[in-house]
Amino acid sequence: MTKRDYLNNLLQLMTEEQLKLFERMYPNDPTDRQVAHAIVQCENTLKGLNKKVQRLTNVDKEFKTFKEQCKIDAQVCSNKIDVLEHELNKINVLAEQLSNPIATDNAEIQDRLAKLDALEAGGVDNWTWYGESMEQAGL
């Protein structure tokens, strides 16, 4: 392959703007020295473009990795939110249970509450009046 053929092949890889610049620089057939210089310029331009393409490829890979990590992080956050919502529901149920009065279905609890009511009604602040308070309550 001659230098001119090589240059023509390189020029096919160049952008329109670069081709117009080449045509302005060499309106007539370039000399062998100009061809050699143009080849070096084209090669340098292509090397620069290859570096840019490689950087873009690397950025694209990094972006895809970042995007995948974001998806994973979003799923982890979603799972944590689900767990926290479940815990919050459990806490709300417990809070509801604590805010409701204690169910007094149990006979022993009923008996103890009656004794406490009797003691409070009798004004007992020590054990001296315990017996009297129980009698007065009918216990």
N, C-alpha and C. Protein backbone atom coordinates (compact mmCIF):
# COMPACT_ATOMS: atom_id res chain seq x y z
N MET A 1 0.86 -1.17 0.00
CA MET A 1 0.00 0.00 0.00
C MET A 1 0.90 1.23 0.00
N THR A 2 0.55 2.15 -0.86
CA THR A 2 1.34 3.38 -0.94
C THR A 2 0.91 4.33 0.17
N LYS A 3 1.75 5.34 0.37
CA LYS A 3 1.42 6.35 1.39
C LYS A 3 0.13 7.07 1.03
N ARG A 4 -0.06 7.31 -0.26
CA ARG A 4 -1.28 7.99 -0.70
C ARG A 4 -2.51 7.12 -0.43
N ASP A 5 -2.40 5.83 -0.68
CA ASP A 5 -3.52 4.92 -0.39
C ASP A 5 -3.81 4.88 1.11
N TYR A 6 -2.73 4.83 1.88
CA TYR A 6 -2.88 4.81 3.34
C TYR A 6 -3.56 6.09 3.81
N LEU A 7 -3.11 7.22 3.26
CA LEU A 7 -3.72 8.51 3.62
C LEU A 7 -5.19 8.52 3.23
N ASN A 8 -5.50 8.01 2.05
CA ASN A 8 -6.91 7.96 1.62
C ASN A 8 -7.73 7.11 2.58
N ASN A 9 -7.18 5.99 3.03
CA ASN A 9 -7.88 5.15 4.01
C ASN A 9 -8.08 5.90 5.32
N LEU A 10 -7.06 6.61 5.76
CA LEU A 10 -7.19 7.40 6.99
C LEU A 10 -8.23 8.49 6.83
N LEU A 11 -8.21 9.13 5.69
CA LEU A 11 -9.16 10.22 5.45
C LEU A 11 -10.60 9.72 5.47
N GLN A 12 -10.82 8.50 5.11
CA GLN A 12 -12.18 7.94 5.17
C GLN A 12 -12.67 7.82 6.61
N LEU A 13 -11.73 7.73 7.55
CA LEU A 13 -12.09 7.62 8.97
C LEU A 13 -12.28 8.98 9.63
N MET A 14 -11.92 10.04 8.92
CA MET A 14 -11.97 11.37 9.51
C MET A 14 -13.39 11.94 9.42
N THR A 15 -13.62 13.00 10.20
CA THR A 15 -14.92 13.66 10.18
C THR A 15 -15.01 14.59 8.97
N GLU A 16 -16.22 15.03 8.64
CA GLU A 16 -16.42 15.96 7.54
C GLU A 16 -15.61 17.23 7.72
N GLU A 17 -15.61 17.74 8.93
CA GLU A 17 -14.88 18.98 9.22
C GLU A 17 -13.39 18.81 8.94
N GLN A 18 -12.84 17.67 9.34
CA GLN A 18 -11.42 17.42 9.12
C GLN A 18 -11.11 17.24 7.63
N LEU A 19 -12.03 16.62 6.91
CA LEU A 19 -11.83 16.47 5.46
C LEU A 19 -11.83 17.82 4.76
N LYS A 20 -12.73 18.71 5.16
CA LYS A 20 -12.78 20.05 4.57
C LYS A 20 -11.48 20.81 4.85
N LEU A 21 -10.98 20.67 6.07
CA LEU A 21 -9.73 21.32 6.43
C LEU A 21 -8.59 20.78 5.57
N PHE A 22 -8.56 19.45 5.38
CA PHE A 22 -7.53 18.83 4.56
C PHE A 22 -7.60 19.34 3.12
N GLU A 23 -8.82 19.43 2.60
CA GLU A 23 -9.00 19.92 1.23
C GLU A 23 -8.56 21.37 1.09
N ARG A 24 -8.79 22.20 2.11
CA ARG A 24 -8.34 23.61 2.06
C ARG A 24 -6.82 23.70 2.14
N MET A 25 -6.23 22.80 2.94
CA MET A 25 -4.78 22.82 3.08
C MET A 25 -4.09 22.35 1.80
N TYR A 26 -4.71 21.41 1.13
CA TYR A 26 -4.09 20.81 -0.07
C TYR A 26 -5.09 20.85 -1.23
N PRO A 27 -5.31 22.03 -1.80
CA PRO A 27 -6.28 22.11 -2.90
C PRO A 27 -5.83 21.29 -4.11
N ASN A 28 -4.54 21.18 -4.32
CA ASN A 28 -3.99 20.35 -5.39
C ASN A 28 -3.44 19.09 -4.74
N ASP A 29 -2.98 18.18 -5.50
CA ASP A 29 -2.40 16.97 -4.92
C ASP A 29 -1.24 17.37 -4.00
N PRO A 30 -1.23 16.83 -2.77
CA PRO A 30 -0.14 17.18 -1.86
C PRO A 30 1.17 16.50 -2.30
N THR A 31 2.26 17.11 -1.87
CA THR A 31 3.58 16.52 -2.15
C THR A 31 3.77 15.32 -1.24
N ASP A 32 4.81 14.53 -1.50
CA ASP A 32 5.10 13.36 -0.65
C ASP A 32 5.33 13.80 0.79
N ARG A 33 6.01 14.92 0.95
CA ARG A 33 6.26 15.42 2.32
C ARG A 33 4.95 15.82 2.98
N GLN A 34 4.08 16.48 2.25
CA GLN A 34 2.78 16.87 2.78
C GLN A 34 1.92 15.64 3.09
N VAL A 35 2.02 14.62 2.27
CA VAL A 35 1.29 13.37 2.51
C VAL A 35 1.77 12.76 3.82
N ALA A 36 3.10 12.70 3.99
CA ALA A 36 3.66 12.13 5.23
C ALA A 36 3.20 12.94 6.44
N HIS A 37 3.22 14.26 6.32
CA HIS A 37 2.77 15.12 7.42
C HIS A 37 1.27 14.92 7.69
N ALA A 38 0.49 14.83 6.62
CA ALA A 38 -0.96 14.62 6.78
C ALA A 38 -1.25 13.28 7.43
N ILE A 39 -0.46 12.27 7.09
CA ILE A 39 -0.63 10.94 7.70
C ILE A 39 -0.40 11.04 9.20
N VAL A 40 0.66 11.72 9.59
CA VAL A 40 0.96 11.87 11.03
C VAL A 40 -0.17 12.61 11.72
N GLN A 41 -0.65 13.68 11.10
CA GLN A 41 -1.75 14.44 11.70
C GLN A 41 -3.02 13.58 11.82
N CYS A 42 -3.32 12.83 10.77
CA CYS A 42 -4.51 11.96 10.81
C CYS A 42 -4.37 10.88 11.87
N GLU A 43 -3.18 10.29 11.94
CA GLU A 43 -2.95 9.25 12.95
C GLU A 43 -3.10 9.82 14.36
N ASN A 44 -2.55 11.01 14.58
CA ASN A 44 -2.67 11.65 15.90
C ASN A 44 -4.12 11.96 16.22
N THR A 45 -4.85 12.45 15.22
CA THR A 45 -6.27 12.73 15.43
C THR A 45 -7.02 11.45 15.77
N LEU A 46 -6.72 10.38 15.02
CA LEU A 46 -7.39 9.11 15.28
C LEU A 46 -7.03 8.56 16.65
N LYS A 47 -5.77 8.72 17.04
CA LYS A 47 -5.36 8.27 18.39
C LYS A 47 -6.15 9.03 19.45
N GLY A 48 -6.27 10.35 19.23
CA GLY A 48 -7.05 11.16 20.18
C GLY A 48 -8.50 10.71 20.23
N LEU A 49 -9.06 10.43 19.05
CA LEU A 49 -10.45 9.95 19.01
C LEU A 49 -10.57 8.60 19.68
N ASN A 50 -9.59 7.73 19.46
CA ASN A 50 -9.61 6.41 20.11
C ASN A 50 -9.56 6.54 21.63
N LYS A 51 -8.75 7.50 22.10
CA LYS A 51 -8.69 7.72 23.55
C LYS A 51 -10.04 8.20 24.08
N LYS A 52 -10.67 9.10 23.32
CA LYS A 52 -11.99 9.60 23.74
C LYS A 52 -13.02 8.46 23.74
N VAL A 53 -12.96 7.62 22.71
CA VAL A 53 -13.87 6.48 22.64
C VAL A 53 -13.64 5.56 23.84
N GLN A 54 -12.36 5.32 24.17
CA GLN A 54 -12.05 4.46 25.30
C GLN A 54 -12.56 5.07 26.61
N ARG A 55 -12.39 6.40 26.75
CA ARG A 55 -12.91 7.06 27.96
C ARG A 55 -14.42 6.96 28.03
N LEU A 56 -15.08 7.14 26.88
CA LEU A 56 -16.54 7.01 26.86
C LEU A 56 -16.97 5.59 27.18
N THR A 57 -16.21 4.63 26.69
CA THR A 57 -16.51 3.22 26.99
C THR A 57 -16.37 2.98 28.49
N ASN A 58 -15.30 3.53 29.07
CA ASN A 58 -15.09 3.37 30.51
C ASN A 58 -16.20 4.06 31.31
N VAL A 59 -16.59 5.25 30.87
CA VAL A 59 -17.67 5.97 31.55
C VAL A 59 -18.96 5.16 31.44
N ASP A 60 -19.20 4.60 30.26
CA ASP A 60 -20.41 3.79 30.07
C ASP A 60 -20.39 2.58 31.01
N LYS A 61 -19.25 1.92 31.13
CA LYS A 61 -19.14 0.77 32.04
C LYS A 61 -19.37 1.21 33.49
N GLU A 62 -18.74 2.33 33.86
CA GLU A 62 -18.91 2.84 35.23
C GLU A 62 -20.37 3.20 35.49
N PHE A 63 -21.01 3.80 34.49
CA PHE A 63 -22.42 4.17 34.65
C PHE A 63 -23.28 2.93 34.84
N LYS A 64 -23.03 1.90 34.03
CA LYS A 64 -23.81 0.66 34.15
C LYS A 64 -23.59 0.03 35.52
N THR A 65 -22.35 0.05 36.00
CA THR A 65 -22.06 -0.49 37.33
C THR A 65 -22.77 0.33 38.40
N PHE A 66 -22.69 1.66 38.26
CA PHE A 66 -23.36 2.55 39.22
C PHE A 66 -24.86 2.33 39.20
N LYS A 67 -25.43 2.17 38.01
CA LYS A 67 -26.87 1.95 37.87
C LYS A 67 -27.28 0.65 38.54
N GLU A 68 -26.50 -0.40 38.33
CA GLU A 68 -26.79 -1.69 38.97
C GLU A 68 -26.69 -1.58 40.49
N GLN A 69 -25.66 -0.86 40.97
CA GLN A 69 -25.51 -0.69 42.41
C GLN A 69 -26.68 0.10 42.98
N CYS A 70 -27.14 1.10 42.24
CA CYS A 70 -28.31 1.88 42.68
C CYS A 70 -29.55 0.99 42.78
N LYS A 71 -29.72 0.08 41.81
CA LYS A 71 -30.86 -0.84 41.86
C LYS A 71 -30.76 -1.72 43.11
N ILE A 72 -29.55 -2.22 43.38
CA ILE A 72 -29.35 -3.06 44.56
C ILE A 72 -29.63 -2.27 45.82
N ASP A 73 -29.07 -1.04 45.88
CA ASP A 73 -29.29 -0.18 47.06
C ASP A 73 -30.77 0.13 47.24
N ALA A 74 -31.47 0.39 46.14
CA ALA A 74 -32.90 0.69 46.22
C ALA A 74 -33.66 -0.52 46.76
N GLN A 75 -33.27 -1.72 46.33
CA GLN A 75 -33.94 -2.94 46.82
C GLN A 75 -33.66 -3.13 48.30
N VAL A 76 -32.41 -2.89 48.72
CA VAL A 76 -32.05 -3.00 50.14
C VAL A 76 -32.87 -2.01 50.96
N CYS A 77 -32.97 -0.77 50.47
CA CYS A 77 -33.76 0.25 51.17
C CYS A 77 -35.23 -0.16 51.24
N SER A 78 -35.74 -0.68 50.14
CA SER A 78 -37.14 -1.12 50.12
C SER A 78 -37.36 -2.23 51.14
N ASN A 79 -36.42 -3.17 51.20
CA ASN A 79 -36.53 -4.25 52.18
C ASN A 79 -36.48 -3.71 53.61
N LYS A 80 -35.58 -2.76 53.86
CA LYS A 80 -35.48 -2.16 55.19
C LYS A 80 -36.77 -1.42 55.55
N ILE A 81 -37.34 -0.73 54.56
CA ILE A 81 -38.59 -0.02 54.80
C ILE A 81 -39.69 -1.02 55.15
N ASP A 82 -39.74 -2.14 54.42
CA ASP A 82 -40.75 -3.16 54.72
C ASP A 82 -40.59 -3.69 56.14
N VAL A 83 -39.34 -3.95 56.54
CA VAL A 83 -39.08 -4.46 57.89
C VAL A 83 -39.49 -3.41 58.93
N LEU A 84 -39.12 -2.15 58.68
CA LEU A 84 -39.47 -1.09 59.62
C LEU A 84 -40.99 -0.87 59.70
N GLU A 85 -41.68 -0.98 58.57
CA GLU A 85 -43.13 -0.85 58.58
C GLU A 85 -43.76 -1.99 59.39
N HIS A 86 -43.20 -3.19 59.23
CA HIS A 86 -43.69 -4.33 60.00
C HIS A 86 -43.46 -4.10 61.50
N GLU A 87 -42.27 -3.61 61.85
CA GLU A 87 -41.97 -3.32 63.26
C GLU A 87 -42.88 -2.21 63.79
N LEU A 88 -43.12 -1.20 62.96
CA LEU A 88 -44.00 -0.10 63.37
C LEU A 88 -45.41 -0.61 63.61
N ASN A 89 -45.88 -1.50 62.75
CA ASN A 89 -47.21 -2.09 62.95
C ASN A 89 -47.27 -2.85 64.26
N LYS A 90 -46.20 -3.61 64.56
CA LYS A 90 -46.17 -4.35 65.83
C LYS A 90 -46.20 -3.38 67.01
N ILE A 91 -45.44 -2.30 66.90
CA ILE A 91 -45.41 -1.29 67.97
C ILE A 91 -46.78 -0.65 68.12
N ASN A 92 -47.43 -0.33 67.00
CA ASN A 92 -48.76 0.27 67.06
C ASN A 92 -49.77 -0.67 67.72
N VAL A 93 -49.67 -1.96 67.41
CA VAL A 93 -50.57 -2.94 68.04
C VAL A 93 -50.31 -2.98 69.55
N LEU A 94 -49.03 -2.99 69.94
CA LEU A 94 -48.71 -2.99 71.37
C LEU A 94 -49.19 -1.71 72.04
N ALA A 95 -49.00 -0.57 71.36
CA ALA A 95 -49.45 0.70 71.92
C ALA A 95 -50.97 0.70 72.10
N GLU A 96 -51.66 0.15 71.13
CA GLU A 96 -53.12 0.06 71.22
C GLU A 96 -53.53 -0.82 72.40
N GLN A 97 -52.82 -1.92 72.54
CA GLN A 97 -53.13 -2.82 73.66
C GLN A 97 -52.86 -2.12 75.00
N LEU A 98 -51.77 -1.35 75.06
CA LEU A 98 -51.43 -0.67 76.32
C LEU A 98 -52.39 0.48 76.62
N SER A 99 -52.92 1.11 75.57
CA SER A 99 -53.81 2.24 75.81
C SER A 99 -55.22 1.79 76.18
N ASN A 100 -55.59 0.56 75.87
CA ASN A 100 -56.91 0.05 76.23
C ASN A 100 -56.90 -0.39 77.69
N PRO A 101 -58.02 -0.25 78.38
CA PRO A 101 -58.08 -0.73 79.75
C PRO A 101 -57.86 -2.25 79.79
N ILE A 102 -57.28 -2.69 80.87
CA ILE A 102 -57.01 -4.12 81.02
C ILE A 102 -58.34 -4.86 81.08
N ALA A 103 -58.44 -5.93 80.31
CA ALA A 103 -59.66 -6.75 80.34
C ALA A 103 -59.76 -7.41 81.70
N THR A 104 -60.93 -7.35 82.27
CA THR A 104 -61.11 -7.88 83.63
C THR A 104 -62.04 -9.08 83.63
N ASP A 105 -61.82 -9.98 82.73
CA ASP A 105 -62.64 -11.18 82.65
C ASP A 105 -62.24 -12.20 83.70
N ASN A 106 -61.00 -12.18 84.08
CA ASN A 106 -60.49 -13.18 85.00
C ASN A 106 -61.05 -12.93 86.42
N ALA A 107 -61.57 -13.98 87.07
CA ALA A 107 -62.19 -13.85 88.40
C ALA A 107 -61.18 -13.36 89.44
N GLU A 108 -59.96 -13.84 89.36
CA GLU A 108 -58.94 -13.42 90.34
C GLU A 108 -58.66 -11.92 90.20
N ILE A 109 -58.58 -11.45 88.95
CA ILE A 109 -58.35 -10.02 88.73
C ILE A 109 -59.54 -9.23 89.25
N GLN A 110 -60.75 -9.70 89.01
CA GLN A 110 -61.95 -9.03 89.51
C GLN A 110 -61.89 -8.92 91.03
N ASP A 111 -61.50 -10.01 91.68
CA ASP A 111 -61.41 -10.04 93.14
C ASP A 111 -60.39 -9.02 93.65
N ARG A 112 -59.23 -8.99 93.01
CA ARG A 112 -58.18 -8.05 93.45
C ARG A 112 -58.61 -6.60 93.24
N LEU A 113 -59.27 -6.34 92.10
CA LEU A 113 -59.74 -4.99 91.85
C LEU A 113 -60.79 -4.57 92.87
N ALA A 114 -61.65 -5.51 93.25
CA ALA A 114 -62.67 -5.20 94.26
C ALA A 114 -62.01 -4.87 95.59
N LYS A 115 -60.97 -5.63 95.97
CA LYS A 115 -60.25 -5.36 97.22
C LYS A 115 -59.59 -3.99 97.16
N LEU A 116 -58.96 -3.67 96.02
CA LEU A 116 -58.30 -2.38 95.88
C LEU A 116 -59.32 -1.24 95.97
N ASP A 117 -60.46 -1.42 95.30
CA ASP A 117 -61.51 -0.40 95.37
C ASP A 117 -61.98 -0.22 96.82
N ALA A 118 -62.09 -1.33 97.55
CA ALA A 118 -62.53 -1.26 98.94
C ALA A 118 -61.51 -0.52 99.80
N LEU A 119 -60.25 -0.81 99.58
CA LEU A 119 -59.20 -0.13 100.35
C LEU A 119 -59.20 1.37 100.04
N GLU A 120 -59.34 1.71 98.77
CA GLU A 120 -59.34 3.12 98.41
C GLU A 120 -60.58 3.82 98.98
N ALA A 121 -61.71 3.14 98.93
CA ALA A 121 -62.95 3.74 99.46
C ALA A 121 -62.85 3.93 100.97
N GLY A 122 -62.15 3.02 101.64
CA GLY A 122 -62.02 3.14 103.08
C GLY A 122 -60.95 4.12 103.51
N GLY A 123 -60.20 4.66 102.56
CA GLY A 123 -59.16 5.63 102.89
C GLY A 123 -57.96 4.98 103.57
N VAL A 124 -57.74 3.72 103.31
CA VAL A 124 -56.65 3.00 103.97
C VAL A 124 -55.32 3.47 103.42
N ASP A 125 -54.43 3.92 104.33
CA ASP A 125 -53.09 4.26 103.91
C ASP A 125 -52.07 3.43 104.69
N ASN A 126 -52.59 2.49 105.50
CA ASN A 126 -51.72 1.53 106.17
C ASN A 126 -52.53 0.26 106.38
N TRP A 127 -52.00 -0.77 106.99
CA TRP A 127 -52.68 -2.05 107.11
C TRP A 127 -53.65 -2.12 108.28
N THR A 128 -53.75 -1.10 109.07
CA THR A 128 -54.61 -1.12 110.25
C THR A 128 -56.07 -1.32 109.89
N TRP A 129 -56.54 -0.69 108.87
CA TRP A 129 -57.96 -0.74 108.50
C TRP A 129 -58.26 -1.76 107.42
N TYR A 130 -57.34 -2.65 107.11
CA TYR A 130 -57.54 -3.62 106.04
C TYR A 130 -58.77 -4.49 106.28
N GLY A 131 -58.87 -5.07 107.43
CA GLY A 131 -59.99 -5.98 107.77
C GLY A 131 -61.31 -5.25 107.67
N GLU A 132 -61.41 -4.08 108.26
CA GLU A 132 -62.64 -3.29 108.21
C GLU A 132 -63.04 -2.94 106.80
N SER A 133 -62.05 -2.60 105.99
CA SER A 133 -62.34 -2.27 104.59
C SER A 133 -62.88 -3.46 103.84
N MET A 134 -62.33 -4.64 104.11
CA MET A 134 -62.81 -5.85 103.44
C MET A 134 -64.24 -6.18 103.86
N GLU A 135 -64.52 -6.02 105.14
CA GLU A 135 -65.88 -6.30 105.63
C GLU A 135 -66.89 -5.35 104.99
N GLN A 136 -66.50 -4.08 104.94
CA GLN A 136 -67.40 -3.07 104.39
C GLN A 136 -67.69 -3.36 102.91
N ALA A 137 -66.75 -3.90 102.20
CA ALA A 137 -66.93 -4.23 100.79
C ALA A 137 -67.60 -5.56 100.60
N GLY A 138 -67.78 -6.30 101.64
CA GLY A 138 -68.42 -7.60 101.58
C GLY A 138 -67.47 -8.68 101.07
N LEU A 139 -66.22 -8.50 101.31
CA LEU A 139 -65.24 -9.48 100.85
C LEU A 139 -64.68 -10.28 102.00
